[in-house]
Amino acid sequence: MKGDYQKKSGYESPLVRMIWGILAVCSLLISTPAPATAASISADSTTIFRMMKSPDDKNLVPAFEYLRLSGASNEGEYGSVAVKMGGWGRVDLANKSYNDDQADTDLQYGYLSYRGSKNNLLFNAGRQFVTEGVATDRIDGVYSRSDLAAGFSAAAFFGSPVVTKQDPFKGGDLIYGGRIGHTLKNYYSLGLSAVRTGYGGSRIREEEGVDLWFHPLKQIDLVGKSSYNSITYNWMNHDYAITFAPLEKLRLSGIGSYTSYKDYFYQVTTSALSLTNGVLDPNEKVLTLGGSVEFLPVKYFRLTADYKNYDYDIAGRAQYYGGKATFTLPDSFVAGFSVHRMDGETDKLRYDQYRVFAQKKLGKVDLTADFFNVNYQNPINGVKNTYAVTGAVAYAITDNFRVAADINYLKDTVYDNAVTGFIKVTYAFDKTLGAEGGKKSEK
C-alpha cells in the first residue's frame, strides 16, 4: 500500500509518552461534569513474540507491542469529541531482525476527532489515515467531511505525508486533496477525487480519480474506481467488479483491472515499491479479467469455481483457475480445501496449488490447522515441491484476555525446512462513565 509509511520526525514519540498523553486526555473526558452525556475509555494491547531464522541461518526473536487507546464523550446535542492513538514498538531479543536497529517505535496514528450530531460531520486533527478516492495516505494534518444538500457530500484534507525517510524516496513536505460525491440512497454513489503532493515547491505527485457504486437491481452490485496520473498524463489503474445473485444460493462475480506500473508507481516512499530495485519492470502493464461462481447446494456447504486471466505486456500471459469447497458451522467449525492451476509463460508461473484447512472452536479454545502446497512444473532453484504446514491454538482466559500461539513449517524455493513460531497475547479494556449518577461499567 502506497500510504502505509513510517516517519522519523519530532511528531513521533515513544510509546510511553503516547500512553501518558492519551491517559491525560481520557481523564479529562471522565472528570469533566457531563450531566447530559457520558464518556468512555477503551484500550487494547497486543504483544507478539516471533521465533524464526534469517536467510543466513541466524536466530531471530523480535518482540512487538501494539497499543491502541481511545477516549470519547458520547454523542449529544452538540456532537461528540474523541481522542485516538495507536502505535507499536519492537525489541530484538536475539540477533537484529531489521537492518541495524535493535529496537524501534512508531506512532501509527494519534488525533483529536469531533463528530457532529447532524450531516455525518467529522473533523480530525493529528496523525491519521485518510482514504478518500485516489488518496490512501497517512498524514500529519487535518481532515474533514460532511454531507451536503440534495445527496451531495464533500471531504478535504491538508498536511504533510508520513514517509519512511527523505532520501532517496521523497514523500513530500505538503499533501492536500479531497473528494466530492453524490449518492442516491439504495441506487448509486459516485465520487470525484484528487490528491497533490509537493516537495521543496515542486510537484512530485498529482492524481485524480473517479469511484462508483451502482445498484440498479436488488441482485446486482457494481463497484470500481479509476485513477489518473497528471504528471505522466496516463491512466494509472482501473479496477472494477460486478456481482449478480439471481438466486439466494447462487452468486456470479466478474472482475476487470488494468495497471500501468510506470504511472502507478511513479512516486513511492519505500524501496519495496521502487521501480529501480529490479523486482518490478517499469515498462510493464497488466490487464486482468476473471470471474467466479459460488453455489450453496445444501446448508453450510459452499462450492466456488474461479478463473483469472493475466495479460502482461512483457511477462506474457498467465491463467489461474480452480475451485474451492467449504463447510461452515457458524461460531463452531470451518473446514475446506482448494485446488488451483497457474499456467503461464515462465517457470515461476507454471504450478499446481493445493490447500486444506480446518478450524474448530471448543468452548474457550480455538484450534486451527492449515496445509498449503505448490508443485512447480519445472524446478525453481532446484526445488519443485514446496509446502507450508501451520498449527495454531488460541485460548480466551477471559472475555478481554486472550493468548494464541502457532508453529509453522516451511519448505520453499528460498527456505529449506524452516520452522517459525508465533505467540500473541491480547488484552482489551473498556470503561464507561454514565451520565446518570456517574455509573461505571467494565467489560
Protein backbone atom coordinates (compact mmCIF):
# COMPACT_ATOMS: atom_id res chain seq x y z
CA MET A 1 0.00 0.00 0.00
CA LYS A 2 1.39 3.31 -1.06
CA GLY A 3 0.25 5.21 2.00
CA ASP A 4 1.42 2.93 4.81
CA TYR A 5 4.65 4.63 5.91
CA GLN A 6 6.70 5.46 8.97
CA LYS A 7 8.04 8.90 9.79
CA LYS A 8 11.07 9.77 11.87
CA SER A 9 10.16 13.26 12.99
CA GLY A 10 9.64 15.45 16.00
CA TYR A 11 5.99 14.47 15.93
CA GLU A 12 6.82 10.87 16.75
CA SER A 13 7.10 9.97 20.43
CA PRO A 14 8.00 6.79 22.25
CA LEU A 15 5.08 4.61 23.27
CA VAL A 16 5.37 5.58 26.92
CA ARG A 17 4.91 9.26 26.10
CA MET A 18 1.96 8.36 23.92
CA ILE A 19 0.31 6.44 26.76
CA TRP A 20 0.67 9.34 29.20
CA GLY A 21 -0.73 11.76 26.67
CA ILE A 22 -3.88 9.83 25.93
CA LEU A 23 -4.47 8.93 29.55
CA ALA A 24 -4.36 12.64 30.38
CA VAL A 25 -6.99 13.41 27.76
CA CYS A 26 -9.15 10.47 28.77
CA SER A 27 -9.01 11.54 32.40
CA LEU A 28 -10.26 14.98 31.38
CA LEU A 29 -13.14 13.41 29.48
CA ILE A 30 -14.16 11.40 32.53
CA SER A 31 -13.57 14.02 35.22
CA THR A 32 -15.44 16.81 33.40
CA PRO A 33 -19.04 17.06 34.64
CA ALA A 34 -21.38 15.76 31.94
CA PRO A 35 -24.99 15.88 33.12
CA ALA A 36 -26.43 15.04 29.69
CA THR A 37 -23.79 12.81 28.18
CA ALA A 38 -21.40 10.01 29.07
CA ALA A 39 -17.72 9.34 28.48
CA SER A 40 -15.81 6.16 27.73
CA ILE A 41 -12.26 4.87 27.66
CA SER A 42 -11.15 1.84 25.68
CA ALA A 43 -7.79 0.26 25.06
CA ASP A 44 -6.28 -2.90 23.72
CA SER A 45 -2.78 -4.27 23.84
CA THR A 46 -1.28 -6.94 21.58
CA THR A 47 2.12 -8.42 22.44
CA ILE A 48 3.75 -10.63 19.83
CA PHE A 49 6.85 -12.81 20.06
CA ARG A 50 8.19 -14.28 16.81
CA MET A 51 10.80 -17.04 16.60
CA MET A 52 12.43 -17.63 13.22
CA LYS A 53 15.63 -18.00 11.21
CA SER A 54 17.18 -15.40 8.93
CA PRO A 55 18.28 -16.36 5.38
CA ASP A 56 21.85 -16.59 6.74
CA ASP A 57 20.68 -19.03 9.47
CA LYS A 58 20.69 -16.62 12.44
CA ASN A 59 18.17 -16.96 15.27
CA LEU A 60 15.72 -14.05 15.30
CA VAL A 61 13.37 -13.33 18.22
CA PRO A 62 11.72 -9.93 17.71
CA ALA A 63 9.13 -8.86 20.27
CA PHE A 64 6.39 -6.43 19.22
CA GLU A 65 3.96 -4.39 21.30
CA TYR A 66 0.91 -2.86 19.61
CA LEU A 67 -1.08 -0.45 21.77
CA ARG A 68 -4.32 1.32 20.88
CA LEU A 69 -6.06 3.76 23.23
CA SER A 70 -9.10 5.98 22.86
CA GLY A 71 -11.30 8.21 24.95
CA ALA A 72 -14.60 9.76 23.88
CA SER A 73 -17.61 11.66 25.07
CA ASN A 74 -20.82 10.04 23.84
CA GLU A 75 -22.75 11.91 21.20
CA GLY A 76 -25.17 14.53 22.49
CA GLU A 77 -26.92 17.59 21.13
CA TYR A 78 -23.61 19.19 20.11
CA GLY A 79 -21.89 16.04 18.88
CA SER A 80 -19.01 14.14 20.45
CA VAL A 81 -15.27 14.57 20.96
CA ALA A 82 -12.76 11.74 20.92
CA VAL A 83 -9.04 11.23 21.07
CA LYS A 84 -7.46 8.17 19.48
CA MET A 85 -3.89 6.92 19.44
CA GLY A 86 -2.11 3.78 18.34
CA GLY A 87 1.49 2.75 17.97
CA TRP A 88 3.94 -0.09 18.15
CA GLY A 89 7.38 -0.88 19.47
CA ARG A 90 9.88 -3.60 18.63
CA VAL A 91 12.79 -5.06 20.59
CA ASP A 92 15.07 -7.81 19.26
CA LEU A 93 15.68 -10.42 21.95
CA ALA A 94 18.35 -12.14 19.87
CA ASN A 95 20.05 -11.01 16.64
CA LYS A 96 18.94 -7.87 14.83
CA SER A 97 15.88 -8.60 12.74
CA TYR A 98 15.69 -5.34 10.79
CA ASN A 99 18.73 -3.53 9.38
CA ASP A 100 20.94 -2.18 12.18
CA ASP A 101 18.20 -1.27 14.66
CA GLN A 102 17.94 -3.41 17.79
CA ALA A 103 14.73 -1.58 18.74
CA ASP A 104 12.24 0.70 17.06
CA THR A 105 8.96 2.53 17.76
CA ASP A 106 6.35 4.21 15.61
CA LEU A 107 3.27 6.28 16.29
CA GLN A 108 0.84 4.91 13.71
CA TYR A 109 -1.93 7.37 14.45
CA GLY A 110 -2.81 9.97 17.07
CA TYR A 111 -5.54 12.53 16.53
CA LEU A 112 -8.37 14.51 18.07
CA SER A 113 -11.77 13.94 16.47
CA TYR A 114 -15.06 15.83 16.53
CA ARG A 115 -18.20 14.17 15.20
CA GLY A 116 -21.28 16.34 14.71
CA SER A 117 -24.79 15.20 15.54
CA LYS A 118 -26.02 16.04 12.02
CA ASN A 119 -24.99 15.56 8.37
CA ASN A 120 -22.27 12.97 9.22
CA LEU A 121 -19.94 15.85 10.04
CA LEU A 122 -16.42 14.76 11.01
CA PHE A 123 -13.27 16.75 11.75
CA ASN A 124 -9.91 15.15 12.66
CA ALA A 125 -6.61 16.83 13.57
CA GLY A 126 -3.33 14.96 14.05
CA ARG A 127 -1.66 11.88 12.59
CA GLN A 128 -4.29 9.85 10.78
CA PHE A 129 -5.00 7.54 7.86
CA VAL A 130 -7.02 9.20 5.08
CA THR A 131 -8.89 7.19 2.44
CA GLU A 132 -10.77 9.42 0.02
CA GLY A 133 -10.92 8.24 -3.59
CA VAL A 134 -7.41 8.21 -5.04
CA ALA A 135 -5.92 9.24 -1.68
CA THR A 136 -4.86 6.39 0.60
CA ASP A 137 -2.29 8.10 2.79
CA ARG A 138 -1.09 8.58 6.34
CA ILE A 139 -0.72 12.28 7.09
CA ASP A 140 0.09 14.72 9.87
CA GLY A 141 -2.65 17.28 9.36
CA VAL A 142 -6.39 17.95 9.33
CA TYR A 143 -9.27 16.13 7.64
CA SER A 144 -12.97 16.90 7.41
CA ARG A 145 -16.02 15.52 5.65
CA SER A 146 -19.75 16.21 5.70
CA ASP A 147 -22.99 15.51 3.87
CA LEU A 148 -24.40 18.45 1.92
CA ALA A 149 -27.82 19.13 0.41
CA ALA A 150 -29.51 17.08 -2.36
CA GLY A 151 -27.37 13.96 -1.83
CA PHE A 152 -24.00 15.66 -2.23
CA SER A 153 -21.05 15.19 0.14
CA ALA A 154 -17.58 16.69 0.40
CA ALA A 155 -14.27 15.83 2.07
CA ALA A 156 -10.93 17.62 2.26
CA PHE A 157 -7.52 17.13 3.93
CA PHE A 158 -4.31 19.09 4.30
CA GLY A 159 -0.96 18.37 5.96
CA SER A 160 2.37 16.64 5.46
CA PRO A 161 2.75 13.00 4.34
CA VAL A 162 4.17 10.45 6.77
CA VAL A 163 7.10 8.87 4.94
CA THR A 164 9.78 6.29 5.55
CA LYS A 165 12.71 8.62 5.01
CA GLN A 166 13.59 11.65 2.93
CA ASP A 167 16.32 10.11 0.77
CA PRO A 168 16.12 8.72 -1.79
CA PHE A 169 12.32 8.35 -1.60
CA LYS A 170 10.96 11.86 -1.07
CA GLY A 171 7.41 11.64 0.19
CA GLY A 172 6.96 15.40 0.08
CA ASP A 173 6.54 18.14 2.65
CA LEU A 174 2.96 19.03 1.69
CA ILE A 175 -0.09 16.96 0.81
CA TYR A 176 -3.65 18.07 0.18
CA GLY A 177 -6.74 16.86 -1.64
CA GLY A 178 -10.36 15.88 -1.31
CA ARG A 179 -13.41 14.23 -2.76
CA ILE A 180 -16.85 15.39 -3.92
CA GLY A 181 -19.57 12.79 -4.14
CA HIS A 182 -23.22 12.31 -4.90
CA THR A 183 -25.39 9.50 -3.57
CA LEU A 184 -28.91 8.35 -4.37
CA LYS A 185 -29.69 6.06 -1.46
CA ASN A 186 -30.03 2.36 -2.36
CA TYR A 187 -29.14 3.01 -6.03
CA TYR A 188 -25.73 4.58 -6.61
CA SER A 189 -22.81 6.58 -5.25
CA LEU A 190 -20.38 8.50 -7.46
CA GLY A 191 -17.23 10.33 -6.38
CA LEU A 192 -14.56 12.56 -7.94
CA SER A 193 -11.28 12.95 -6.04
CA ALA A 194 -7.80 14.43 -6.30
CA VAL A 195 -4.55 14.45 -4.32
CA ARG A 196 -1.45 16.65 -4.65
CA THR A 197 1.99 16.29 -3.06
CA GLY A 198 4.80 18.82 -3.22
CA TYR A 199 8.46 18.83 -2.19
CA GLY A 200 10.53 21.99 -2.00
CA GLY A 201 7.99 23.87 -4.08
CA SER A 202 7.96 21.32 -6.91
CA ARG A 203 5.17 18.87 -7.70
CA ILE A 204 6.00 15.19 -7.22
CA ARG A 205 2.53 13.65 -7.21
CA GLU A 206 -0.73 14.68 -8.88
CA GLU A 207 -3.54 12.16 -9.15
CA GLU A 208 -7.24 12.34 -9.95
CA GLY A 209 -9.84 9.62 -9.85
CA VAL A 210 -13.43 8.52 -10.05
CA ASP A 211 -15.09 5.89 -7.86
CA LEU A 212 -18.57 4.41 -8.08
CA TRP A 213 -21.07 2.01 -6.56
CA PHE A 214 -24.06 1.12 -8.73
CA HIS A 215 -27.04 -0.92 -7.53
CA PRO A 216 -29.74 -0.81 -10.24
CA LEU A 217 -31.45 -4.00 -9.05
CA LYS A 218 -31.53 -5.94 -5.80
CA GLN A 219 -29.47 -8.73 -7.38
CA ILE A 220 -26.75 -6.55 -8.99
CA ASP A 221 -23.82 -4.66 -7.47
CA LEU A 222 -21.13 -2.85 -9.44
CA VAL A 223 -18.14 -1.22 -7.72
CA GLY A 224 -14.99 0.25 -9.15
CA LYS A 225 -12.52 3.09 -9.47
CA SER A 226 -10.14 4.64 -12.00
CA SER A 227 -7.01 6.68 -11.23
CA TYR A 228 -5.15 9.13 -13.48
CA ASN A 229 -1.58 10.48 -13.16
CA SER A 230 -1.50 14.15 -14.19
CA ILE A 231 2.32 14.29 -14.24
CA THR A 232 2.79 11.39 -16.68
CA TYR A 233 -0.54 12.09 -18.43
CA ASN A 234 -1.60 8.44 -18.31
CA TRP A 235 -4.12 6.24 -16.54
CA MET A 236 -2.56 4.53 -13.53
CA ASN A 237 -5.18 1.95 -12.74
CA HIS A 238 -8.72 0.74 -13.46
CA ASP A 239 -10.33 -1.73 -11.07
CA TYR A 240 -13.97 -2.92 -11.36
CA ALA A 241 -16.07 -5.78 -10.04
CA ILE A 242 -19.68 -6.81 -10.63
CA THR A 243 -21.80 -9.27 -8.67
CA PHE A 244 -25.05 -10.87 -9.81
CA ALA A 245 -27.15 -13.04 -7.45
CA PRO A 246 -30.06 -14.43 -9.49
CA LEU A 247 -30.90 -16.94 -6.74
CA GLU A 248 -30.41 -16.97 -2.99
CA LYS A 249 -27.96 -19.85 -3.28
CA LEU A 250 -26.17 -18.73 -6.45
CA ARG A 251 -23.77 -15.82 -6.92
CA LEU A 252 -21.88 -14.84 -10.06
CA SER A 253 -18.97 -12.37 -9.99
CA GLY A 254 -16.79 -10.73 -12.61
CA ILE A 255 -13.64 -8.60 -12.26
CA GLY A 256 -11.58 -6.46 -14.58
CA SER A 257 -8.47 -4.40 -13.84
CA TYR A 258 -5.64 -2.64 -15.64
CA THR A 259 -2.39 -1.29 -14.14
CA SER A 260 0.48 0.63 -15.71
CA TYR A 261 3.50 0.17 -13.41
CA LYS A 262 5.34 3.28 -14.60
CA ASP A 263 2.36 5.51 -13.86
CA TYR A 264 1.05 3.73 -10.74
CA PHE A 265 4.45 3.56 -9.01
CA TYR A 266 5.60 6.98 -10.26
CA GLN A 267 6.13 8.33 -6.72
CA VAL A 268 6.82 5.93 -3.84
CA THR A 269 8.28 6.35 -0.36
CA THR A 270 9.63 2.87 0.28
CA SER A 271 12.19 0.75 -1.58
CA ALA A 272 9.79 -2.23 -1.65
CA LEU A 273 7.73 -0.41 -4.30
CA SER A 274 10.62 1.22 -6.14
CA LEU A 275 10.89 0.55 -9.88
CA THR A 276 14.69 0.76 -9.53
CA ASN A 277 15.09 -2.32 -7.30
CA GLY A 278 14.83 -4.79 -10.18
CA VAL A 279 11.75 -6.54 -8.83
CA LEU A 280 9.26 -4.60 -10.96
CA ASP A 281 9.81 -3.73 -14.61
CA PRO A 282 8.81 -0.05 -15.03
CA ASN A 283 7.52 -0.69 -18.54
CA GLU A 284 5.19 -3.50 -17.50
CA LYS A 285 1.43 -3.24 -17.92
CA VAL A 286 -1.11 -5.86 -16.94
CA LEU A 287 -4.75 -6.46 -17.82
CA THR A 288 -6.62 -8.87 -15.57
CA LEU A 289 -10.03 -10.36 -16.39
CA GLY A 290 -11.85 -13.06 -14.50
CA GLY A 291 -14.83 -14.25 -12.60
CA SER A 292 -16.23 -16.75 -10.12
CA VAL A 293 -19.33 -18.78 -9.37
CA GLU A 294 -20.48 -19.53 -5.81
CA PHE A 295 -23.17 -22.14 -5.13
CA LEU A 296 -24.68 -23.48 -1.91
CA PRO A 297 -26.11 -26.92 -2.78
CA VAL A 298 -27.03 -27.60 0.86
CA LYS A 299 -26.98 -25.58 4.07
CA TYR A 300 -23.48 -24.75 5.39
CA PHE A 301 -21.73 -26.14 2.29
CA ARG A 302 -20.33 -23.76 -0.34
CA LEU A 303 -18.73 -24.54 -3.71
CA THR A 304 -16.69 -21.96 -5.62
CA ALA A 305 -15.13 -22.03 -9.08
CA ASP A 306 -12.92 -19.12 -10.17
CA TYR A 307 -10.85 -18.02 -13.15
CA LYS A 308 -8.39 -15.16 -13.85
CA ASN A 309 -6.50 -14.29 -17.00
CA TYR A 310 -3.37 -12.12 -16.54
CA ASP A 311 -2.16 -10.43 -19.73
CA TYR A 312 1.28 -8.85 -19.17
CA ASP A 313 2.90 -6.74 -21.91
CA ILE A 314 6.37 -8.11 -21.07
CA ALA A 315 5.98 -11.25 -18.96
CA GLY A 316 3.28 -12.65 -21.24
CA ARG A 317 0.02 -14.31 -20.35
CA ALA A 318 -0.93 -16.49 -17.41
CA GLN A 319 -4.17 -18.19 -16.44
CA TYR A 320 -5.19 -19.02 -12.87
CA TYR A 321 -8.19 -21.27 -12.33
CA GLY A 322 -9.61 -23.83 -9.95
CA GLY A 323 -12.15 -24.42 -7.23
CA LYS A 324 -12.82 -24.41 -3.51
CA ALA A 325 -15.20 -26.28 -1.19
CA THR A 326 -16.03 -25.02 2.31
CA PHE A 327 -18.17 -26.41 5.11
CA THR A 328 -19.10 -23.96 7.88
CA LEU A 329 -20.99 -24.33 11.13
CA PRO A 330 -21.48 -20.78 12.48
CA ASP A 331 -19.29 -19.99 15.53
CA SER A 332 -18.21 -23.63 15.77
CA PHE A 333 -16.38 -25.24 12.84
CA VAL A 334 -14.90 -24.40 9.43
CA ALA A 335 -13.16 -26.80 7.04
CA GLY A 336 -12.34 -26.80 3.37
CA PHE A 337 -9.94 -27.45 0.54
CA SER A 338 -8.98 -25.77 -2.72
CA VAL A 339 -7.23 -26.79 -5.93
CA HIS A 340 -5.84 -24.27 -8.44
CA ARG A 341 -3.64 -24.24 -11.51
CA MET A 342 -1.39 -21.37 -12.65
CA ASP A 343 -0.47 -21.76 -16.31
CA GLY A 344 1.90 -19.04 -17.52
CA GLU A 345 4.78 -18.49 -19.92
CA THR A 346 7.58 -18.66 -17.33
CA ASP A 347 8.63 -21.42 -14.91
CA LYS A 348 7.57 -19.36 -11.90
CA LEU A 349 4.07 -19.14 -13.33
CA ARG A 350 3.57 -22.86 -14.03
CA TYR A 351 2.40 -24.73 -10.97
CA ASP A 352 -0.41 -26.58 -9.20
CA GLN A 353 -1.61 -25.20 -5.88
CA TYR A 354 -3.41 -27.13 -3.11
CA ARG A 355 -4.75 -26.11 0.28
CA VAL A 356 -6.53 -27.94 3.10
CA PHE A 357 -7.64 -26.11 6.26
CA ALA A 358 -9.82 -26.54 9.34
CA GLN A 359 -10.77 -24.50 12.40
CA LYS A 360 -12.66 -25.76 15.45
CA LYS A 361 -13.98 -23.89 18.48
CA LEU A 362 -14.14 -25.85 21.76
CA GLY A 363 -15.50 -23.56 24.44
CA LYS A 364 -12.77 -21.01 25.11
CA VAL A 365 -10.28 -22.77 22.83
CA ASP A 366 -9.82 -22.25 19.08
CA LEU A 367 -7.82 -24.83 17.09
CA THR A 368 -6.54 -24.26 13.55
CA ALA A 369 -4.68 -26.45 11.05
CA ASP A 370 -3.60 -25.38 7.57
CA PHE A 371 -1.64 -27.12 4.80
CA PHE A 372 -0.55 -25.22 1.68
CA ASN A 373 1.30 -26.86 -1.22
CA VAL A 374 2.71 -25.51 -4.51
CA ASN A 375 4.04 -28.03 -7.01
CA TYR A 376 6.02 -26.39 -9.84
CA GLN A 377 6.00 -27.92 -13.29
CA ASN A 378 9.76 -27.25 -13.54
CA PRO A 379 12.12 -26.82 -10.55
CA ILE A 380 12.80 -23.31 -9.20
CA ASN A 381 16.23 -23.01 -7.54
CA GLY A 382 16.35 -26.80 -7.65
CA VAL A 383 13.05 -27.18 -5.77
CA LYS A 384 9.89 -28.49 -7.41
CA ASN A 385 7.59 -29.23 -4.47
CA THR A 386 7.08 -26.54 -1.79
CA TYR A 387 4.72 -26.56 1.18
CA ALA A 388 3.84 -24.91 4.46
CA VAL A 389 2.15 -26.53 7.46
CA THR A 390 0.65 -24.43 10.24
CA GLY A 391 -0.91 -25.41 13.56
CA ALA A 392 -2.39 -22.83 15.93
CA VAL A 393 -4.21 -22.71 19.25
CA ALA A 394 -5.87 -19.78 21.00
CA TYR A 395 -7.36 -19.63 24.49
CA ALA A 396 -9.70 -16.95 25.86
CA ILE A 397 -8.73 -16.67 29.53
CA THR A 398 -11.48 -14.05 29.98
CA ASP A 399 -13.69 -12.11 27.59
CA ASN A 400 -10.94 -9.47 27.41
CA PHE A 401 -7.78 -11.55 27.78
CA ARG A 402 -6.66 -13.94 25.02
CA VAL A 403 -3.48 -15.95 24.35
CA ALA A 404 -2.61 -17.53 20.99
CA ALA A 405 0.32 -19.49 19.60
CA ASP A 406 1.18 -21.14 16.31
CA ILE A 407 4.03 -23.07 14.75
CA ASN A 408 4.81 -23.11 11.04
CA TYR A 409 6.97 -25.47 8.99
CA LEU A 410 8.09 -24.16 5.60
CA LYS A 411 9.95 -25.59 2.63
CA ASP A 412 10.07 -23.39 -0.49
CA THR A 413 12.44 -22.07 -3.15
CA VAL A 414 14.25 -19.85 -0.60
CA TYR A 415 13.94 -21.63 2.78
CA ASP A 416 14.71 -25.30 3.38
CA ASN A 417 12.94 -26.92 6.35
CA ALA A 418 12.36 -23.61 8.16
CA VAL A 419 10.44 -23.63 11.44
CA THR A 420 8.91 -20.44 12.84
CA GLY A 421 6.91 -19.76 15.99
CA PHE A 422 4.47 -17.08 16.98
CA ILE A 423 2.98 -16.13 20.38
CA LYS A 424 0.35 -13.41 20.75
CA VAL A 425 -1.17 -12.02 23.94
CA THR A 426 -4.15 -9.66 23.60
CA TYR A 427 -5.85 -7.66 26.33
CA ALA A 428 -8.84 -5.32 25.87
CA PHE A 429 -10.17 -2.76 28.35
CA ASP A 430 -13.40 -0.76 28.19
CA LYS A 431 -14.87 1.54 30.82
CA THR A 432 -17.89 3.85 30.64
CA LEU A 433 -18.85 6.73 32.91
CA GLY A 434 -22.62 7.13 32.70
CA ALA A 435 -24.48 10.41 32.76
CA GLU A 436 -26.86 9.32 35.47
CA GLY A 437 -25.09 9.23 38.81
CA GLY A 438 -21.67 8.60 37.32
CA LYS A 439 -22.19 4.86 36.99
CA LYS A 440 -19.26 2.85 35.73
CA SER A 441 -19.17 -0.40 33.88
CA GLU A 442 -16.25 -2.55 32.84
CA LYS A 443 -16.30 -5.43 30.42
